[in-house]
N, C-alpha and C. Protein backbone atom coordinates (compact mmCIF):
# COMPACT_ATOMS: atom_id res chain seq x y z
N MET A 1 113.05 83.53 113.77
CA MET A 1 114.03 83.88 112.51
C MET A 1 114.60 85.08 113.08
N PRO A 2 116.14 84.96 113.46
CA PRO A 2 116.87 86.17 113.88
C PRO A 2 116.54 87.04 112.99
N VAL A 3 116.96 88.56 113.53
CA VAL A 3 116.93 89.55 113.02
C VAL A 3 118.47 89.93 112.56
N THR A 4 118.71 90.15 111.42
CA THR A 4 120.34 90.67 111.19
C THR A 4 120.36 92.10 110.38
N ARG A 5 121.41 92.86 111.06
CA ARG A 5 121.57 94.19 110.72
C ARG A 5 121.56 94.20 109.08
N GLY A 6 120.66 95.75 108.82
CA GLY A 6 120.88 95.89 107.80
C GLY A 6 119.46 95.44 106.62
N GLN A 7 118.77 94.88 106.96
CA GLN A 7 117.65 94.48 106.46
C GLN A 7 116.80 96.12 106.52
N GLY A 8 116.25 96.10 105.09
CA GLY A 8 115.63 97.09 104.57
C GLY A 8 114.00 96.96 104.93
N PRO A 9 113.45 97.91 104.72
CA PRO A 9 111.78 97.83 105.30
C PRO A 9 111.01 96.80 104.29
N ARG A 10 111.61 96.24 102.78
CA ARG A 10 110.87 95.49 102.45
C ARG A 10 110.69 94.22 103.43
N SER A 11 111.95 93.70 104.21
CA SER A 11 112.33 92.38 104.82
C SER A 11 110.97 92.61 105.85
N HIS A 12 110.44 93.53 106.53
CA HIS A 12 109.55 93.73 107.35
C HIS A 12 108.18 94.33 107.18
N PRO A 13 107.80 93.52 106.43
CA PRO A 13 106.28 93.87 105.71
C PRO A 13 105.31 94.39 106.92
N TRP A 14 105.22 93.11 107.89
CA TRP A 14 104.26 93.43 108.88
C TRP A 14 104.41 94.49 109.74
N ALA A 15 105.19 94.74 109.78
CA ALA A 15 105.74 95.83 111.20
C ALA A 15 105.33 97.51 109.86
N ARG A 16 105.45 97.42 109.00
CA ARG A 16 104.88 98.48 108.54
C ARG A 16 103.90 98.64 108.47
N TRP A 17 103.12 97.68 108.11
CA TRP A 17 101.52 97.31 108.15
C TRP A 17 100.92 97.73 109.53
N ALA A 18 101.35 97.06 110.43
CA ALA A 18 101.07 97.39 111.57
C ALA A 18 100.96 98.96 112.11
N LEU A 19 102.36 99.36 112.18
CA LEU A 19 101.96 101.10 111.92
C LEU A 19 101.43 101.73 111.27
N ARG A 20 101.35 101.38 109.76
CA ARG A 20 100.51 102.50 108.90
C ARG A 20 98.82 101.84 109.05
N TRP A 21 98.53 101.22 109.19
CA TRP A 21 96.86 100.62 108.86
C TRP A 21 96.82 99.68 110.55
N GLY A 22 97.07 98.84 110.78
CA GLY A 22 97.12 98.07 111.70
C GLY A 22 96.23 98.94 112.99
N ALA A 23 97.15 99.46 113.76
CA ALA A 23 97.18 100.27 115.08
C ALA A 23 96.07 101.26 114.36
N PRO A 24 95.99 102.32 113.74
CA PRO A 24 95.02 103.15 113.34
C PRO A 24 93.26 102.07 113.55
N ASN A 25 93.53 101.31 112.02
CA ASN A 25 92.23 100.63 112.14
C ASN A 25 91.50 99.84 113.31
N ALA A 26 92.29 99.39 113.93
CA ALA A 26 92.03 98.53 115.34
C ALA A 26 91.37 99.88 116.53
N THR A 27 92.10 100.96 116.38
CA THR A 27 91.83 102.06 117.40
C THR A 27 90.70 102.65 116.84
N VAL A 28 90.03 102.84 115.58
CA VAL A 28 89.14 103.47 115.19
C VAL A 28 87.72 102.40 115.31
N ALA A 29 88.24 101.05 115.16
CA ALA A 29 87.52 100.34 115.84
C ALA A 29 86.80 100.19 117.16
N LEU A 30 87.49 100.43 117.97
CA LEU A 30 87.42 99.92 119.23
C LEU A 30 86.40 101.34 120.00
N VAL A 31 87.44 102.46 119.12
CA VAL A 31 86.58 103.36 119.73
C VAL A 31 85.50 103.78 119.27
N ALA A 32 84.92 103.37 118.08
CA ALA A 32 83.40 103.62 117.57
C ALA A 32 82.81 102.63 118.53
N VAL A 33 83.21 101.28 119.08
CA VAL A 33 82.38 100.82 120.00
C VAL A 33 82.54 100.94 121.53
N TRP A 34 83.39 101.24 122.10
CA TRP A 34 83.64 101.41 123.23
C TRP A 34 83.63 103.10 123.81
N ALA A 35 83.87 103.93 123.24
CA ALA A 35 84.38 105.44 123.70
C ALA A 35 82.59 106.17 123.37
N LEU A 36 82.08 105.78 122.09
CA LEU A 36 81.18 106.16 121.81
C LEU A 36 79.79 105.69 122.65
N GLU A 37 80.01 104.61 123.15
CA GLU A 37 79.03 103.82 123.71
C GLU A 37 77.49 104.80 123.36
N PRO A 38 76.79 104.18 122.50
CA PRO A 38 75.76 104.47 121.41
C PRO A 38 74.36 104.28 122.66
N ASP A 39 73.52 105.30 122.74
CA ASP A 39 72.51 105.10 123.51
C ASP A 39 71.09 104.74 122.76
N SER A 40 71.02 104.77 121.04
CA SER A 40 70.23 104.46 120.49
C SER A 40 70.66 103.23 119.53
N LEU A 41 69.12 102.41 118.93
CA LEU A 41 69.58 101.53 118.33
C LEU A 41 70.62 101.99 116.86
N VAL A 42 70.03 103.68 116.31
CA VAL A 42 70.59 104.05 115.37
C VAL A 42 71.76 104.54 115.33
N GLY A 43 72.17 104.90 116.87
CA GLY A 43 73.84 105.28 117.02
C GLY A 43 74.70 103.70 117.63
N GLY A 44 73.73 102.61 117.62
CA GLY A 44 74.61 100.98 117.51
C GLY A 44 75.11 100.73 116.47
N VAL A 45 73.79 100.66 115.75
CA VAL A 45 73.91 100.31 113.86
C VAL A 45 75.39 101.17 113.66
N ILE A 46 74.97 102.39 113.54
CA ILE A 46 76.49 103.38 112.90
C ILE A 46 77.59 102.74 113.48
N ALA A 47 77.70 102.70 114.95
CA ALA A 47 78.76 102.43 115.62
C ALA A 47 79.49 101.09 115.38
N ALA A 48 78.43 100.03 115.00
CA ALA A 48 78.71 98.66 114.67
C ALA A 48 79.39 98.88 112.77
N GLY A 49 78.58 99.72 112.20
CA GLY A 49 79.05 99.94 111.11
C GLY A 49 80.15 100.62 110.88
N VAL A 50 80.91 101.41 111.53
CA VAL A 50 82.51 101.87 111.24
C VAL A 50 82.88 100.86 111.90
N ALA A 51 83.09 100.12 113.04
CA ALA A 51 83.73 99.13 113.86
C ALA A 51 83.79 98.44 112.55
N LEU A 52 83.02 97.73 111.93
CA LEU A 52 82.77 96.73 110.59
C LEU A 52 83.58 97.16 109.79
N ALA A 53 83.30 98.41 109.06
CA ALA A 53 84.58 99.09 107.79
C ALA A 53 85.49 98.81 108.60
N ALA A 54 86.35 99.54 109.77
CA ALA A 54 87.43 99.72 109.92
C ALA A 54 88.22 97.73 110.00
N LEU A 55 87.33 97.10 110.37
CA LEU A 55 87.82 95.77 110.60
C LEU A 55 87.88 95.01 108.71
N LEU A 56 87.20 95.30 108.17
CA LEU A 56 87.55 94.78 106.92
C LEU A 56 88.98 95.59 106.02
N VAL A 57 89.06 96.95 106.58
CA VAL A 57 90.11 97.72 105.88
C VAL A 57 91.19 96.97 106.54
N PHE A 58 91.19 96.56 107.78
CA PHE A 58 92.33 96.18 108.48
C PHE A 58 92.31 94.77 107.93
N ALA A 59 91.89 93.95 107.80
CA ALA A 59 91.80 92.59 107.25
C ALA A 59 92.52 92.41 105.84
N GLY A 60 91.92 93.64 104.79
CA GLY A 60 92.16 93.75 104.02
C GLY A 60 93.33 94.40 102.98
N THR A 61 93.99 94.70 104.58
CA THR A 61 95.47 95.58 103.89
C THR A 61 96.56 94.76 104.35
N MET A 62 96.31 93.45 105.10
CA MET A 62 97.14 92.95 105.37
C MET A 62 98.43 91.91 104.42
N PRO A 63 99.49 92.23 104.74
CA PRO A 63 100.64 91.79 103.48
C PRO A 63 100.06 90.50 104.11
N ARG A 64 100.30 89.85 102.32
CA ARG A 64 100.15 88.42 102.00
C ARG A 64 101.14 87.36 102.08
N ARG A 65 100.59 86.40 102.29
CA ARG A 65 102.37 85.52 102.57
C ARG A 65 102.77 85.22 101.08
N GLN A 66 104.08 85.02 101.42
CA GLN A 66 104.72 85.19 100.11
C GLN A 66 105.26 83.63 100.07
N PRO A 67 105.28 82.54 98.95
CA PRO A 67 105.54 81.37 98.80
C PRO A 67 106.84 81.40 99.13
N SER A 68 107.39 80.48 99.34
CA SER A 68 108.58 79.56 99.89
C SER A 68 109.61 80.09 98.65
N ALA A 69 108.99 79.70 97.18
CA ALA A 69 110.32 80.03 96.46
C ALA A 69 110.59 81.54 96.13
N GLU A 70 109.73 82.55 96.12
CA GLU A 70 109.98 83.61 96.29
C GLU A 70 110.81 84.19 97.45
N ARG A 71 110.46 83.65 98.30
CA ARG A 71 111.46 84.06 99.55
C ARG A 71 112.71 83.89 99.36
N ALA A 72 113.10 82.52 99.13
CA ALA A 72 114.23 81.69 98.61
C ALA A 72 115.21 82.30 97.18
N ARG A 73 114.68 83.05 96.72
CA ARG A 73 114.95 84.01 95.71
C ARG A 73 115.60 85.02 96.24
N ARG A 74 115.01 85.34 97.12
CA ARG A 74 115.29 87.07 97.18
C ARG A 74 116.21 86.75 98.89
N GLY A 75 116.65 85.68 98.99
CA GLY A 75 117.48 85.38 100.42
C GLY A 75 117.43 85.46 101.80
N GLU A 76 115.98 85.49 102.15
CA GLU A 76 115.43 84.87 103.40
C GLU A 76 115.35 83.57 103.58
């Protein structure tokens, strides 16, 4: 779909989501597992828990798909 000039922030929910939630949560998940490199079982469980929590926030905050009737009403 071509991007036209003058589109407001409502027309790009994925771009806003990626900057606000996607990138930070992906970073937390990756750092928790790769950068920390836990040495013990407890550290591994904690790192996995942090990564899982970040993944749940990542998935839970994704923009929902809009029904095609609503998009047609808005003129997209």
